[in-house]
């Protein structure tokens, strides 16, 4: 039973979760920008994304975030990464890292379960 649950969760974390994370990048950015904006009301916020995400993120931001914000691209960022900058504050969003951490936690859980079963 544990093996089948592990296989399903592995499939979710390897396939479904990364796709959901990438599709929701704009919403994650909008949420964090709103948090920063409430703390720094008069500061312009610079949002840096991978070039392939610029249009999608711009659409989300225009609908949800009031000016001033500046959206720029950086070819060094992965599709699931973004940087938010306001004055001397910088916040990194890395959804690939979050997915990897979830995957590692699930793998560790099943490893622990396997060890406990084998040790009796």
Protein backbone atom coordinates (compact mmCIF):
# COMPACT_ATOMS: atom_id res chain seq x y z
CA UNK A 1 0.00 0.00 0.00
CA UNK A 2 2.79 2.45 0.92
CA UNK A 3 4.50 1.74 -2.42
CA UNK A 4 1.39 2.69 -4.39
CA UNK A 5 0.85 5.87 -2.35
CA UNK A 6 4.52 6.73 -2.77
CA UNK A 7 4.26 6.24 -6.55
CA UNK A 8 1.22 8.51 -6.77
CA UNK A 9 2.84 11.23 -4.66
CA UNK A 10 6.06 10.97 -6.67
CA UNK A 11 4.08 11.42 -9.87
CA UNK A 12 2.32 14.45 -8.41
CA UNK A 13 5.56 16.07 -7.24
CA UNK A 14 7.50 15.21 -10.40
CA UNK A 15 4.87 16.11 -13.00
CA UNK A 16 1.81 17.92 -11.70
CA UNK A 17 3.29 20.19 -9.04
CA UNK A 18 5.98 21.74 -11.29
CA UNK A 19 3.36 22.53 -13.93
CA UNK A 20 1.03 24.08 -11.38
CA UNK A 21 3.90 26.09 -9.88
CA UNK A 22 4.91 27.53 -13.24
CA UNK A 23 1.33 28.30 -14.20
CA UNK A 24 0.78 30.17 -10.94
CA UNK A 25 4.01 32.20 -10.96
CA UNK A 26 2.18 35.42 -11.79
CA UNK A 27 -0.23 34.94 -8.89
CA UNK A 28 2.66 34.26 -6.48
CA UNK A 29 4.42 37.40 -7.68
CA UNK A 30 1.25 39.47 -7.31
CA UNK A 31 0.78 38.26 -3.73
CA UNK A 32 4.36 39.06 -2.71
CA UNK A 33 4.29 42.45 -4.44
CA UNK A 34 1.12 43.34 -2.53
CA UNK A 35 2.86 42.37 0.73
CA UNK A 36 5.88 44.53 -0.11
CA UNK A 37 3.72 47.42 -1.30
CA UNK A 38 1.85 47.61 2.00
CA UNK A 39 5.17 48.08 3.78
CA UNK A 40 6.67 50.51 1.26
CA UNK A 41 3.75 52.54 -0.02
CA UNK A 42 5.67 55.11 -2.04
CA UNK A 43 8.41 52.85 -3.39
CA UNK A 44 8.51 51.55 -6.92
CA UNK A 45 8.87 47.79 -7.01
CA UNK A 46 11.06 46.13 -9.61
CA UNK A 47 9.93 42.67 -10.67
CA UNK A 48 12.47 40.56 -12.53
CA UNK A 49 11.36 37.43 -14.40
CA UNK A 50 12.63 35.11 -17.10
CA UNK A 51 11.94 36.50 -20.59
CA UNK A 52 9.42 33.76 -21.42
CA UNK A 53 7.26 34.81 -18.46
CA UNK A 54 7.16 38.54 -19.11
CA UNK A 55 3.83 38.67 -20.96
CA UNK A 56 1.96 36.36 -18.59
CA UNK A 57 3.27 38.10 -15.48
CA UNK A 58 2.54 41.55 -16.95
CA UNK A 59 -1.08 40.51 -17.58
CA UNK A 60 -1.53 39.35 -13.98
CA UNK A 61 0.16 42.42 -12.54
CA UNK A 62 -1.85 44.89 -14.60
CA UNK A 63 -5.05 43.33 -13.30
CA UNK A 64 -4.01 43.08 -9.65
CA UNK A 65 -1.19 45.48 -8.79
CA UNK A 66 -1.40 49.26 -8.89
CA UNK A 67 1.51 51.29 -10.21
CA UNK A 68 4.33 51.90 -9.61
CA UNK A 69 6.04 48.71 -10.56
CA UNK A 70 8.67 47.99 -13.15
CA UNK A 71 8.77 44.61 -14.89
CA UNK A 72 12.12 43.60 -16.36
CA UNK A 73 13.55 40.35 -17.67
CA UNK A 74 16.73 38.51 -16.87
CA UNK A 75 17.88 35.62 -19.04
CA UNK A 76 19.72 34.12 -16.05
CA UNK A 77 16.45 33.40 -14.23
CA UNK A 78 14.75 30.04 -14.65
CA UNK A 79 11.08 30.02 -15.71
CA UNK A 80 9.93 29.39 -12.13
CA UNK A 81 12.08 32.15 -10.58
CA UNK A 82 11.45 35.82 -9.93
CA UNK A 83 13.16 38.59 -8.01
CA UNK A 84 11.29 41.43 -6.32
CA UNK A 85 13.20 44.57 -5.38
CA UNK A 86 12.12 47.67 -3.50
CA UNK A 87 14.70 50.13 -2.19
CA UNK A 88 17.06 47.96 -0.12
CA UNK A 89 14.77 44.91 0.02
CA UNK A 90 15.14 41.94 -2.31
CA UNK A 91 12.92 38.87 -2.30
CA UNK A 92 13.52 35.76 -4.37
CA UNK A 93 10.70 33.52 -5.52
CA UNK A 94 11.93 30.11 -6.61
CA UNK A 95 9.07 27.71 -7.20
CA UNK A 96 11.40 25.00 -8.56
CA UNK A 97 13.22 25.00 -5.22
CA UNK A 98 9.90 24.80 -3.36
CA UNK A 99 8.84 21.82 -5.48
CA UNK A 100 12.22 20.14 -4.89
CA UNK A 101 11.87 20.65 -1.14
CA UNK A 102 8.38 19.11 -1.16
CA UNK A 103 9.68 16.16 -3.21
CA UNK A 104 12.58 15.66 -0.80
CA UNK A 105 10.25 15.76 2.21
CA UNK A 106 7.99 13.13 0.66
CA UNK A 107 10.96 10.93 -0.23
CA UNK A 108 12.32 11.27 3.31
CA UNK A 109 8.95 10.36 4.77
CA UNK A 110 8.73 7.16 2.75
CA UNK A 111 12.37 6.33 3.49
CA UNK A 112 11.62 6.66 7.20
CA UNK A 113 8.51 4.52 6.83
CA UNK A 114 10.50 1.84 4.98
CA UNK A 115 13.21 1.87 7.65
CA UNK A 116 10.65 1.58 10.46
CA UNK A 117 8.91 -1.34 8.75
CA UNK A 118 12.21 -3.14 8.11
CA UNK A 119 13.44 -2.55 11.67
CA UNK A 120 10.16 -3.84 13.05
